Amino acid sequence: MGASKTDSFTEKQNELAILAKALGHPARIAIIDFLLKVDSCMCGDIVNELPLAQPTISQHLKELKNAGLIKGNFEGASICYCIDELGFEKIKGLFQEVTQHLEKNKNQCC
């Protein structure tokens, strides 16, 4: 979405769209699943887990990190990745709003 179009939406809507886009690839979901299992890991651990090349994994990690869904800290020459709770709290908030609305308005939809 171009910069001029994002101005038409709230900051919250733009943030959630970035998060949703980052989750819109199965490799990124697999990376999140792996990080949930191991709590934190190095990029090489993910490369050993998924059937993708290291540069591809690095690109997916970059997208997840830019969206605020994972964090990365340097440990020597490597980066250790883990889940960023704040990004998932934003997603959780959206789903809570939707769930509350649906519970409140059962059977009132077209």
PDB file of N, CA and C in Angstrom:
ATOM      1  N   MET A   1       0.846  -1.166   0.000  1.00  0.00           N
ATOM      2  CA  MET A   1       0.000   0.000   0.000  1.00  0.00           C
ATOM      3  C   MET A   1       0.889   1.226   0.000  1.00  0.00           C
ATOM      4  N   GLY A   2       0.586   2.168  -0.867  1.00  0.00           N
ATOM      5  CA  GLY A   2       1.367   3.379  -0.958  1.00  0.00           C
ATOM      6  C   GLY A   2       1.215   4.251   0.275  1.00  0.00           C
ATOM      7  N   ALA A   3       2.194   5.105   0.496  1.00  0.00           N
ATOM      8  CA  ALA A   3       2.182   5.980   1.666  1.00  0.00           C
ATOM      9  C   ALA A   3       0.930   6.841   1.718  1.00  0.00           C
ATOM     10  N   SER A   4       0.463   7.296   0.571  1.00  0.00           N
ATOM     11  CA  SER A   4      -0.713   8.162   0.558  1.00  0.00           C
ATOM     12  C   SER A   4      -1.965   7.405   0.992  1.00  0.00           C
ATOM     13  N   LYS A   5      -2.053   6.134   0.709  1.00  0.00           N
ATOM     14  CA  LYS A   5      -3.231   5.350   1.086  1.00  0.00           C
ATOM     15  C   LYS A   5      -3.228   5.024   2.578  1.00  0.00           C
ATOM     16  N   THR A   6      -2.073   4.776   3.171  1.00  0.00           N
ATOM     17  CA  THR A   6      -2.033   4.434   4.589  1.00  0.00           C
ATOM     18  C   THR A   6      -2.485   5.603   5.455  1.00  0.00           C
ATOM     19  N   ASP A   7      -2.374   6.811   4.944  1.00  0.00           N
ATOM     20  CA  ASP A   7      -2.837   7.986   5.689  1.00  0.00           C
ATOM     21  C   ASP A   7      -4.344   7.962   5.911  1.00  0.00           C
ATOM     22  N   SER A   8      -5.058   7.195   5.117  1.00  0.00           N
ATOM     23  CA  SER A   8      -6.516   7.120   5.223  1.00  0.00           C
ATOM     24  C   SER A   8      -6.978   6.193   6.338  1.00  0.00           C
ATOM     25  N   PHE A   9      -6.039   5.479   6.967  1.00  0.00           N
ATOM     26  CA  PHE A   9      -6.387   4.501   7.991  1.00  0.00           C
ATOM     27  C   PHE A   9      -5.738   4.875   9.310  1.00  0.00           C
ATOM     28  N   THR A  10      -6.281   4.321  10.397  1.00  0.00           N
ATOM     29  CA  THR A  10      -5.723   4.625  11.709  1.00  0.00           C
ATOM     30  C   THR A  10      -4.376   3.946  11.888  1.00  0.00           C
ATOM     31  N   GLU A  11      -3.624   4.428  12.852  1.00  0.00           N
ATOM     32  CA  GLU A  11      -2.332   3.815  13.169  1.00  0.00           C
ATOM     33  C   GLU A  11      -2.520   2.346  13.550  1.00  0.00           C
ATOM     34  N   LYS A  12      -3.562   2.074  14.321  1.00  0.00           N
ATOM     35  CA  LYS A  12      -3.852   0.697  14.734  1.00  0.00           C
ATOM     36  C   LYS A  12      -4.140  -0.185  13.520  1.00  0.00           C
ATOM     37  N   GLN A  13      -4.934   0.302  12.592  1.00  0.00           N
ATOM     38  CA  GLN A  13      -5.258  -0.473  11.395  1.00  0.00           C
ATOM     39  C   GLN A  13      -4.017  -0.745  10.568  1.00  0.00           C
ATOM     40  N   ASN A  14      -3.158   0.243  10.426  1.00  0.00           N
ATOM     41  CA  ASN A  14      -1.918   0.058   9.674  1.00  0.00           C
ATOM     42  C   ASN A  14      -0.982  -0.929  10.365  1.00  0.00           C
ATOM     43  N   GLU A  15      -0.874  -0.842  11.686  1.00  0.00           N
ATOM     44  CA  GLU A  15      -0.018  -1.770  12.435  1.00  0.00           C
ATOM     45  C   GLU A  15      -0.511  -3.205  12.290  1.00  0.00           C
ATOM     46  N   LEU A  16      -1.820  -3.400  12.436  1.00  0.00           N
ATOM     47  CA  LEU A  16      -2.370  -4.751  12.322  1.00  0.00           C
ATOM     48  C   LEU A  16      -2.219  -5.299  10.907  1.00  0.00           C
ATOM     49  N   ALA A  17      -2.325  -4.439   9.900  1.00  0.00           N
ATOM     50  CA  ALA A  17      -2.131  -4.888   8.517  1.00  0.00           C
ATOM     51  C   ALA A  17      -0.695  -5.361   8.297  1.00  0.00           C
ATOM     52  N   ILE A  18       0.275  -4.662   8.877  1.00  0.00           N
ATOM     53  CA  ILE A  18       1.679  -5.071   8.765  1.00  0.00           C
ATOM     54  C   ILE A  18       1.890  -6.423   9.448  1.00  0.00           C
ATOM     55  N   LEU A  19       1.287  -6.590  10.627  1.00  0.00           N
ATOM     56  CA  LEU A  19       1.410  -7.862  11.344  1.00  0.00           C
ATOM     57  C   LEU A  19       0.772  -8.999  10.544  1.00  0.00           C
ATOM     58  N   ALA A  20      -0.415  -8.747  10.007  1.00  0.00           N
ATOM     59  CA  ALA A  20      -1.110  -9.777   9.231  1.00  0.00           C
ATOM     60  C   ALA A  20      -0.326 -10.148   7.980  1.00  0.00           C
ATOM     61  N   LYS A  21       0.252  -9.155   7.324  1.00  0.00           N
ATOM     62  CA  LYS A  21       1.052  -9.426   6.123  1.00  0.00           C
ATOM     63  C   LYS A  21       2.266 -10.282   6.468  1.00  0.00           C
ATOM     64  N   ALA A  22       2.901  -9.982   7.589  1.00  0.00           N
ATOM     65  CA  ALA A  22       4.072 -10.766   8.009  1.00  0.00           C
ATOM     66  C   ALA A  22       3.694 -12.214   8.296  1.00  0.00           C
ATOM     67  N   LEU A  23       2.491 -12.439   8.770  1.00  0.00           N
ATOM     68  CA  LEU A  23       2.033 -13.809   9.058  1.00  0.00           C
ATOM     69  C   LEU A  23       1.447 -14.496   7.831  1.00  0.00           C
ATOM     70  N   GLY A  24       1.411 -13.799   6.704  1.00  0.00           N
ATOM     71  CA  GLY A  24       0.764 -14.311   5.505  1.00  0.00           C
ATOM     72  C   GLY A  24       1.599 -15.252   4.659  1.00  0.00           C
ATOM     73  N   HIS A  25       2.619 -15.860   5.219  1.00  0.00           N
ATOM     74  CA  HIS A  25       3.441 -16.819   4.477  1.00  0.00           C
ATOM     75  C   HIS A  25       3.653 -18.053   5.354  1.00  0.00           C
ATOM     76  N   PRO A  26       3.461 -19.256   4.795  1.00  0.00           N
ATOM     77  CA  PRO A  26       3.594 -20.461   5.621  1.00  0.00           C
ATOM     78  C   PRO A  26       4.980 -20.654   6.232  1.00  0.00           C
ATOM     79  N   ALA A  27       6.018 -20.176   5.573  1.00  0.00           N
ATOM     80  CA  ALA A  27       7.364 -20.304   6.146  1.00  0.00           C
ATOM     81  C   ALA A  27       7.479 -19.470   7.417  1.00  0.00           C
ATOM     82  N   ARG A  28       6.838 -18.320   7.431  1.00  0.00           N
ATOM     83  CA  ARG A  28       6.895 -17.466   8.623  1.00  0.00           C
ATOM     84  C   ARG A  28       6.094 -18.074   9.766  1.00  0.00           C
ATOM     85  N   ILE A  29       4.985 -18.703   9.430  1.00  0.00           N
ATOM     86  CA  ILE A  29       4.213 -19.416  10.461  1.00  0.00           C
ATOM     87  C   ILE A  29       5.054 -20.563  11.014  1.00  0.00           C
ATOM     88  N   ALA A  30       5.767 -21.270  10.147  1.00  0.00           N
ATOM     89  CA  ALA A  30       6.636 -22.371  10.589  1.00  0.00           C
ATOM     90  C   ALA A  30       7.755 -21.845  11.488  1.00  0.00           C
ATOM     91  N   ILE A  31       8.298 -20.688  11.174  1.00  0.00           N
ATOM     92  CA  ILE A  31       9.341 -20.091  12.024  1.00  0.00           C
ATOM     93  C   ILE A  31       8.760 -19.757  13.393  1.00  0.00           C
ATOM     94  N   ILE A  32       7.571 -19.160  13.422  1.00  0.00           N
ATOM     95  CA  ILE A  32       6.912 -18.848  14.702  1.00  0.00           C
ATOM     96  C   ILE A  32       6.666 -20.123  15.486  1.00  0.00           C
ATOM     97  N   ASP A  33       6.147 -21.166  14.829  1.00  0.00           N
ATOM     98  CA  ASP A  33       5.920 -22.465  15.494  1.00  0.00           C
ATOM     99  C   ASP A  33       7.213 -22.997  16.104  1.00  0.00           C
ATOM    100  N   PHE A  34       8.299 -22.915  15.356  1.00  0.00           N
ATOM    101  CA  PHE A  34       9.581 -23.409  15.844  1.00  0.00           C
ATOM    102  C   PHE A  34      10.054 -22.598  17.048  1.00  0.00           C
ATOM    103  N   LEU A  35       9.938 -21.283  16.977  1.00  0.00           N
ATOM    104  CA  LEU A  35      10.353 -20.441  18.096  1.00  0.00           C
ATOM    105  C   LEU A  35       9.504 -20.702  19.340  1.00  0.00           C
ATOM    106  N   LEU A  36       8.242 -21.018  19.150  1.00  0.00           N
ATOM    107  CA  LEU A  36       7.391 -21.362  20.292  1.00  0.00           C
ATOM    108  C   LEU A  36       7.856 -22.652  20.964  1.00  0.00           C
ATOM    109  N   LYS A  37       8.354 -23.579  20.161  1.00  0.00           N
ATOM    110  CA  LYS A  37       8.835 -24.856  20.718  1.00  0.00           C
ATOM    111  C   LYS A  37      10.143 -24.695  21.478  1.00  0.00           C
ATOM    112  N   VAL A  38      11.044 -23.866  20.955  1.00  0.00           N
ATOM    113  CA  VAL A  38      12.403 -23.797  21.517  1.00  0.00           C
ATOM    114  C   VAL A  38      12.668 -22.529  22.323  1.00  0.00           C
ATOM    115  N   ASP A  39      11.740 -21.605  22.379  1.00  0.00           N
ATOM    116  CA  ASP A  39      11.852 -20.323  23.079  1.00  0.00           C
ATOM    117  C   ASP A  39      12.800 -19.343  22.389  1.00  0.00           C
ATOM    118  N   SER A  40      14.004 -19.740  22.051  1.00  0.00           N
ATOM    119  CA  SER A  40      14.914 -18.879  21.303  1.00  0.00           C
ATOM    120  C   SER A  40      15.908 -19.759  20.559  1.00  0.00           C
ATOM    121  N   CYS A  41      16.457 -19.220  19.488  1.00  0.00           N
ATOM    122  CA  CYS A  41      17.403 -20.009  18.698  1.00  0.00           C
ATOM    123  C   CYS A  41      18.207 -19.124  17.762  1.00  0.00           C
ATOM    124  N   MET A  42      19.195 -19.704  17.163  1.00  0.00           N
ATOM    125  CA  MET A  42      20.015 -19.033  16.148  1.00  0.00           C
ATOM    126  C   MET A  42      19.412 -19.309  14.770  1.00  0.00           C
ATOM    127  N   CYS A  43      19.725 -18.479  13.818  1.00  0.00           N
ATOM    128  CA  CYS A  43      19.225 -18.650  12.460  1.00  0.00           C
ATOM    129  C   CYS A  43      19.557 -20.049  11.926  1.00  0.00           C
ATOM    130  N   GLY A  44      20.747 -20.543  12.230  1.00  0.00           N
ATOM    131  CA  GLY A  44      21.154 -21.869  11.762  1.00  0.00           C
ATOM    132  C   GLY A  44      20.249 -22.974  12.265  1.00  0.00           C
ATOM    133  N   ASP A  45      19.696 -22.808  13.471  1.00  0.00           N
ATOM    134  CA  ASP A  45      18.756 -23.795  14.008  1.00  0.00           C
ATOM    135  C   ASP A  45      17.503 -23.864  13.143  1.00  0.00           C
ATOM    136  N   ILE A  46      17.047 -22.711  12.705  1.00  0.00           N
ATOM    137  CA  ILE A  46      15.848 -22.654  11.859  1.00  0.00           C
ATOM    138  C   ILE A  46      16.141 -23.240  10.484  1.00  0.00           C
ATOM    139  N   VAL A  47      17.313 -22.963   9.958  1.00  0.00           N
ATOM    140  CA  VAL A  47      17.720 -23.511   8.663  1.00  0.00           C
ATOM    141  C   VAL A  47      17.720 -25.041   8.726  1.00  0.00           C
ATOM    142  N   ASN A  48      18.180 -25.596   9.844  1.00  0.00           N
ATOM    143  CA  ASN A  48      18.191 -27.051  10.006  1.00  0.00           C
ATOM    144  C   ASN A  48      16.785 -27.621  10.146  1.00  0.00           C
ATOM    145  N   GLU A  49      15.843 -26.811  10.589  1.00  0.00           N
ATOM    146  CA  GLU A  49      14.468 -27.266  10.837  1.00  0.00           C
ATOM    147  C   GLU A  49      13.581 -27.186   9.591  1.00  0.00           C
ATOM    148  N   LEU A  50      13.767 -26.151   8.780  1.00  0.00           N
ATOM    149  CA  LEU A  50      12.882 -25.920   7.634  1.00  0.00           C
ATOM    150  C   LEU A  50      13.571 -26.276   6.313  1.00  0.00           C
ATOM    151  N   PRO A  51      12.783 -26.656   5.312  1.00  0.00           N
ATOM    152  CA  PRO A  51      13.361 -27.031   4.015  1.00  0.00           C
ATOM    153  C   PRO A  51      13.617 -25.828   3.107  1.00  0.00           C
ATOM    154  N   LEU A  52      14.264 -24.800   3.670  1.00  0.00           N
ATOM    155  CA  LEU A  52      14.543 -23.588   2.910  1.00  0.00           C
ATOM    156  C   LEU A  52      16.010 -23.220   3.045  1.00  0.00           C
ATOM    157  N   ALA A  53      16.517 -22.513   2.067  1.00  0.00           N
ATOM    158  CA  ALA A  53      17.916 -22.071   2.094  1.00  0.00           C
ATOM    159  C   ALA A  53      18.109 -20.973   3.139  1.00  0.00           C
ATOM    160  N   GLN A  54      19.328 -20.835   3.623  1.00  0.00           N
ATOM    161  CA  GLN A  54      19.642 -19.850   4.660  1.00  0.00           C
ATOM    162  C   GLN A  54      19.263 -18.429   4.242  1.00  0.00           C
ATOM    163  N   PRO A  55      19.574 -17.987   3.013  1.00  0.00           N
ATOM    164  CA  PRO A  55      19.175 -16.618   2.641  1.00  0.00           C
ATOM    165  C   PRO A  55      17.656 -16.418   2.667  1.00  0.00           C
ATOM    166  N   THR A  56      16.904 -17.452   2.312  1.00  0.00           N
ATOM    167  CA  THR A  56      15.444 -17.374   2.339  1.00  0.00           C
ATOM    168  C   THR A  56      14.952 -17.256   3.777  1.00  0.00           C
ATOM    169  N   ILE A  57      15.510 -18.071   4.667  1.00  0.00           N
ATOM    170  CA  ILE A  57      15.160 -18.005   6.093  1.00  0.00           C
ATOM    171  C   ILE A  57      15.477 -16.610   6.625  1.00  0.00           C
ATOM    172  N   SER A  58      16.638 -16.090   6.284  1.00  0.00           N
ATOM    173  CA  SER A  58      17.033 -14.759   6.757  1.00  0.00           C
ATOM    174  C   SER A  58      16.050 -13.687   6.299  1.00  0.00           C
ATOM    175  N   GLN A  59      15.572 -13.795   5.071  1.00  0.00           N
ATOM    176  CA  GLN A  59      14.593 -12.823   4.566  1.00  0.00           C
ATOM    177  C   GLN A  59      13.284 -12.919   5.343  1.00  0.00           C
ATOM    178  N   HIS A  60      12.829 -14.133   5.631  1.00  0.00           N
ATOM    179  CA  HIS A  60      11.598 -14.309   6.413  1.00  0.00           C
ATOM    180  C   HIS A  60      11.790 -13.796   7.842  1.00  0.00           C
ATOM    181  N   LEU A  61      12.946 -14.037   8.428  1.00  0.00           N
ATOM    182  CA  LEU A  61      13.227 -13.521   9.770  1.00  0.00           C
ATOM    183  C   LEU A  61      13.202 -11.995   9.763  1.00  0.00           C
ATOM    184  N   LYS A  62      13.741 -11.399   8.726  1.00  0.00           N
ATOM    185  CA  LYS A  62      13.758  -9.941   8.607  1.00  0.00           C
ATOM    186  C   LYS A  62      12.329  -9.398   8.556  1.00  0.00           C
ATOM    187  N   GLU A  63      11.467 -10.034   7.786  1.00  0.00           N
ATOM    188  CA  GLU A  63      10.074  -9.597   7.685  1.00  0.00           C
ATOM    189  C   GLU A  63       9.358  -9.710   9.033  1.00  0.00           C
ATOM    190  N   LEU A  64       9.574 -10.826   9.724  1.00  0.00           N
ATOM    191  CA  LEU A  64       8.946 -11.017  11.039  1.00  0.00           C
ATOM    192  C   LEU A  64       9.468 -10.005  12.053  1.00  0.00           C
ATOM    193  N   LYS A  65      10.756  -9.731  11.991  1.00  0.00           N
ATOM    194  CA  LYS A  65      11.356  -8.776  12.922  1.00  0.00           C
ATOM    195  C   LYS A  65      10.878  -7.358  12.617  1.00  0.00           C
ATOM    196  N   ASN A  66      10.836  -6.968  11.350  1.00  0.00           N
ATOM    197  CA  ASN A  66      10.365  -5.635  10.967  1.00  0.00           C
ATOM    198  C   ASN A  66       8.909  -5.410  11.376  1.00  0.00           C
ATOM    199  N   ALA A  67       8.125  -6.472  11.374  1.00  0.00           N
ATOM    200  CA  ALA A  67       6.715  -6.365  11.767  1.00  0.00           C
ATOM    201  C   ALA A  67       6.554  -6.338  13.286  1.00  0.00           C
ATOM    202  N   GLY A  68       7.605  -6.682  14.011  1.00  0.00           N
ATOM    203  CA  GLY A  68       7.530  -6.682  15.465  1.00  0.00           C
ATOM    204  C   GLY A  68       7.019  -7.975  16.064  1.00  0.00           C
ATOM    205  N   LEU A  69       7.115  -9.069  15.298  1.00  0.00           N
ATOM    206  CA  LEU A  69       6.648 -10.363  15.805  1.00  0.00           C
ATOM    207  C   LEU A  69       7.757 -11.193  16.444  1.00  0.00           C
ATOM    208  N   ILE A  70       9.007 -10.900  16.089  1.00  0.00           N
ATOM    209  CA  ILE A  70      10.141 -11.564  16.723  1.00  0.00           C
ATOM    210  C   ILE A  70      11.190 -10.519  17.080  1.00  0.00           C
ATOM    211  N   LYS A  71      12.070 -10.894  17.986  1.00  0.00           N
ATOM    212  CA  LYS A  71      13.198 -10.043  18.373  1.00  0.00           C
ATOM    213  C   LYS A  71      14.468 -10.814  18.071  1.00  0.00           C
ATOM    214  N   GLY A  72      15.534 -10.099  17.866  1.00  0.00           N
ATOM    215  CA  GLY A  72      16.828 -10.730  17.632  1.00  0.00           C
ATOM    216  C   GLY A  72      17.915 -10.005  18.395  1.00  0.00           C
ATOM    217  N   ASN A  73      18.724 -10.756  19.125  1.00  0.00           N
ATOM    218  CA  ASN A  73      19.846 -10.196  19.876  1.00  0.00           C
ATOM    219  C   ASN A  73      21.132 -10.856  19.421  1.00  0.00           C
ATOM    220  N   PHE A  74      22.177 -10.054  19.296  1.00  0.00           N
ATOM    221  CA  PHE A  74      23.469 -10.603  18.905  1.00  0.00           C
ATOM    222  C   PHE A  74      24.067 -11.417  20.038  1.00  0.00           C
ATOM    223  N   GLU A  75      24.517 -12.593  19.688  1.00  0.00           N
ATOM    224  CA  GLU A  75      25.280 -13.447  20.600  1.00  0.00           C
ATOM    225  C   GLU A  75      26.537 -13.853  19.846  1.00  0.00           C
ATOM    226  N   GLY A  76      27.591 -13.125  20.080  1.00  0.00           N
ATOM    227  CA  GLY A  76      28.814 -13.343  19.305  1.00  0.00           C
ATOM    228  C   GLY A  76      28.595 -12.865  17.889  1.00  0.00           C
ATOM    229  N   ALA A  77      28.870 -13.742  16.923  1.00  0.00           N
ATOM    230  CA  ALA A  77      28.698 -13.394  15.517  1.00  0.00           C
ATOM    231  C   ALA A  77      27.312 -13.771  15.000  1.00  0.00           C
ATOM    232  N   SER A  78      26.485 -14.384  15.842  1.00  0.00           N
ATOM    233  CA  SER A  78      25.155 -14.846  15.430  1.00  0.00           C
ATOM    234  C   SER A  78      24.054 -14.029  16.097  1.00  0.00           C
ATOM    235  N   ILE A  79      22.858 -14.171  15.574  1.00  0.00           N
ATOM    236  CA  ILE A  79      21.698 -13.520  16.161  1.00  0.00           C
ATOM    237  C   ILE A  79      20.786 -14.597  16.739  1.00  0.00           C
ATOM    238  N   CYS A  80      20.390 -14.397  17.988  1.00  0.00           N
ATOM    239  CA  CYS A  80      19.471 -15.296  18.669  1.00  0.00           C
ATOM    240  C   CYS A  80      18.064 -14.699  18.555  1.00  0.00           C
ATOM    241  N   TYR A  81      17.111 -15.468  18.022  1.00  0.00           N
ATOM    242  CA  TYR A  81      15.753 -14.979  17.798  1.00  0.00           C
ATOM    243  C   TYR A  81      14.788 -15.545  18.824  1.00  0.00           C
ATOM    244  N   CYS A  82      13.756 -14.752  19.156  1.00  0.00           N
ATOM    245  CA  CYS A  82      12.677 -15.211  20.033  1.00  0.00           C
ATOM    246  C   CYS A  82      11.408 -14.421  19.684  1.00  0.00           C
ATOM    247  N   ILE A  83      10.296 -14.865  20.229  1.00  0.00           N
ATOM    248  CA  ILE A  83       9.003 -14.211  20.007  1.00  0.00           C
ATOM    249  C   ILE A  83       8.995 -12.838  20.681  1.00  0.00           C
ATOM    250  N   ASP A  84       8.426 -11.846  19.997  1.00  0.00           N
ATOM    251  CA  ASP A  84       8.223 -10.517  20.587  1.00  0.00           C
ATOM    252  C   ASP A  84       6.765 -10.452  21.049  1.00  0.00           C
ATOM    253  N   GLU A  85       6.582 -10.458  22.345  1.00  0.00           N
ATOM    254  CA  GLU A  85       5.244 -10.515  22.929  1.00  0.00           C
ATOM    255  C   GLU A  85       4.355  -9.348  22.503  1.00  0.00           C
ATOM    256  N   LEU A  86       4.924  -8.170  22.348  1.00  0.00           N
ATOM    257  CA  LEU A  86       4.139  -6.974  22.037  1.00  0.00           C
ATOM    258  C   LEU A  86       3.369  -7.115  20.721  1.00  0.00           C
ATOM    259  N   GLY A  87       4.014  -7.643  19.697  1.00  0.00           N
ATOM    260  CA  GLY A  87       3.338  -7.827  18.414  1.00  0.00           C
ATOM    261  C   GLY A  87       2.154  -8.769  18.524  1.00  0.00           C
ATOM    262  N   PHE A  88       2.319  -9.835  19.294  1.00  0.00           N
ATOM    263  CA  PHE A  88       1.231 -10.796  19.440  1.00  0.00           C
ATOM    264  C   PHE A  88       0.128 -10.276  20.356  1.00  0.00           C
ATOM    265  N   GLU A  89       0.468  -9.368  21.272  1.00  0.00           N
ATOM    266  CA  GLU A  89      -0.564  -8.729  22.094  1.00  0.00           C
ATOM    267  C   GLU A  89      -1.481  -7.881  21.223  1.00  0.00           C
ATOM    268  N   LYS A  90      -0.928  -7.225  20.217  1.00  0.00           N
ATOM    269  CA  LYS A  90      -1.741  -6.417  19.298  1.00  0.00           C
ATOM    270  C   LYS A  90      -2.702  -7.307  18.514  1.00  0.00           C
ATOM    271  N   ILE A  91      -2.199  -8.444  18.034  1.00  0.00           N
ATOM    272  CA  ILE A  91      -3.047  -9.382  17.295  1.00  0.00           C
ATOM    273  C   ILE A  91      -4.121  -9.943  18.219  1.00  0.00           C
ATOM    274  N   LYS A  92      -3.719 -10.296  19.421  1.00  0.00           N
ATOM    275  CA  LYS A  92      -4.654 -10.828  20.415  1.00  0.00           C
ATOM    276  C   LYS A  92      -5.777  -9.827  20.678  1.00  0.00           C
ATOM    277  N   GLY A  93      -5.428  -8.542  20.776  1.00  0.00           N
ATOM    278  CA  GLY A  93      -6.432  -7.508  21.004  1.00  0.00           C
ATOM    279  C   GLY A  93      -7.462  -7.450  19.894  1.00  0.00           C
ATOM    280  N   LEU A  94      -7.008  -7.563  18.647  1.00  0.00           N
ATOM    281  CA  LEU A  94      -7.938  -7.555  17.515  1.00  0.00           C
ATOM    282  C   LEU A  94      -8.888  -8.742  17.604  1.00  0.00           C
ATOM    283  N   PHE A  95      -8.355  -9.930  17.856  1.00  0.00           N
ATOM    284  CA  PHE A  95      -9.209 -11.114  17.933  1.00  0.00           C
ATOM    285  C   PHE A  95     -10.154 -11.050  19.124  1.00  0.00           C
ATOM    286  N   GLN A  96      -9.741 -10.435  20.212  1.00  0.00           N
ATOM    287  CA  GLN A  96     -10.637 -10.264  21.355  1.00  0.00           C
ATOM    288  C   GLN A  96     -11.799  -9.337  20.994  1.00  0.00           C
ATOM    289  N   GLU A  97     -11.505  -8.261  20.267  1.00  0.00           N
ATOM    290  CA  GLU A  97     -12.568  -7.346  19.827  1.00  0.00           C
ATOM    291  C   GLU A  97     -13.574  -8.071  18.938  1.00  0.00           C
ATOM    292  N   VAL A  98     -13.074  -8.850  17.999  1.00  0.00           N
ATOM    293  CA  VAL A  98     -13.952  -9.582  17.087  1.00  0.00           C
ATOM    294  C   VAL A  98     -14.780 -10.602  17.869  1.00  0.00           C
ATOM    295  N   THR A  99     -14.152 -11.345  18.752  1.00  0.00           N
ATOM    296  CA  THR A  99     -14.849 -12.361  19.542  1.00  0.00           C
ATOM    297  C   THR A  99     -15.930 -11.740  20.417  1.00  0.00           C
ATOM    298  N   GLN A 100     -15.611 -10.642  21.077  1.00  0.00           N
ATOM    299  CA  GLN A 100     -16.594  -9.964  21.922  1.00  0.00           C
ATOM    300  C   GLN A 100     -17.778  -9.483  21.098  1.00  0.00           C
ATOM    301  N   HIS A 101     -17.492  -8.938  19.925  1.00  0.00           N
ATOM    302  CA  HIS A 101     -18.569  -8.477  19.048  1.00  0.00           C
ATOM    303  C   HIS A 101     -19.463  -9.640  18.627  1.00  0.00           C
ATOM    304  N   LEU A 102     -18.851 -10.748  18.245  1.00  0.00           N
ATOM    305  CA  LEU A 102     -19.629 -11.902  17.800  1.00  0.00           C
ATOM    306  C   LEU A 102     -20.471 -12.482  18.926  1.00  0.00           C
ATOM    307  N   GLU A 103     -19.932 -12.534  20.123  1.00  0.00           N
ATOM    308  CA  GLU A 103     -20.678 -13.062  21.264  1.00  0.00           C
ATOM    309  C   GLU A 103     -21.862 -12.153  21.612  1.00  0.00           C
ATOM    310  N   LYS A 104     -21.652 -10.853  21.506  1.00  0.00           N
ATOM    311  CA  LYS A 104     -22.670  -9.868  21.842  1.00  0.00           C
ATOM    312  C   LYS A 104     -23.788  -9.847  20.795  1.00  0.00           C
ATOM    313  N   ASN A 105     -23.429 -10.118  19.552  1.00  0.00           N
ATOM    314  CA  ASN A 105     -24.389  -9.985  18.438  1.00  0.00           C
ATOM    315  C   ASN A 105     -24.693 -11.312  17.764  1.00  0.00           C
ATOM    316  N   LYS A 106     -24.785 -12.385  18.540  1.00  0.00           N
ATOM    317  CA  LYS A 106     -25.093 -13.699  17.948  1.00  0.00           C
ATOM    318  C   LYS A 106     -26.413 -13.652  17.189  1.00  0.00           C
ATOM    319  N   ASN A 107     -26.385 -14.319  16.045  1.00  0.00           N
ATOM    320  CA  ASN A 107     -27.585 -14.467  15.193  1.00  0.00           C
ATOM    321  C   ASN A 107     -28.173 -13.144  14.740  1.00  0.00           C
ATOM    322  N   GLN A 108     -27.417 -12.072  14.729  1.00  0.00           N
ATOM    323  CA  GLN A 108     -27.918 -10.789  14.249  1.00  0.00           C
ATOM    324  C   GLN A 108     -27.257 -10.382  12.942  1.00  0.00           C
ATOM    325  N   CYS A 109     -26.582 -11.299  12.314  1.00  0.00           N
ATOM    326  CA  CYS A 109     -25.894 -10.988  11.067  1.00  0.00           C
ATOM    327  C   CYS A 109     -26.707 -11.479   9.885  1.00  0.00           C
ATOM    328  N   CYS A 110     -26.414 -10.946   8.726  1.00  0.00           N
ATOM    329  CA  CYS A 110     -27.140 -11.342   7.520  1.00  0.00           C
ATOM    330  C   CYS A 110     -26.882 -12.769   7.280  1.00  0.00           C
TER     331      CYS A 110
END
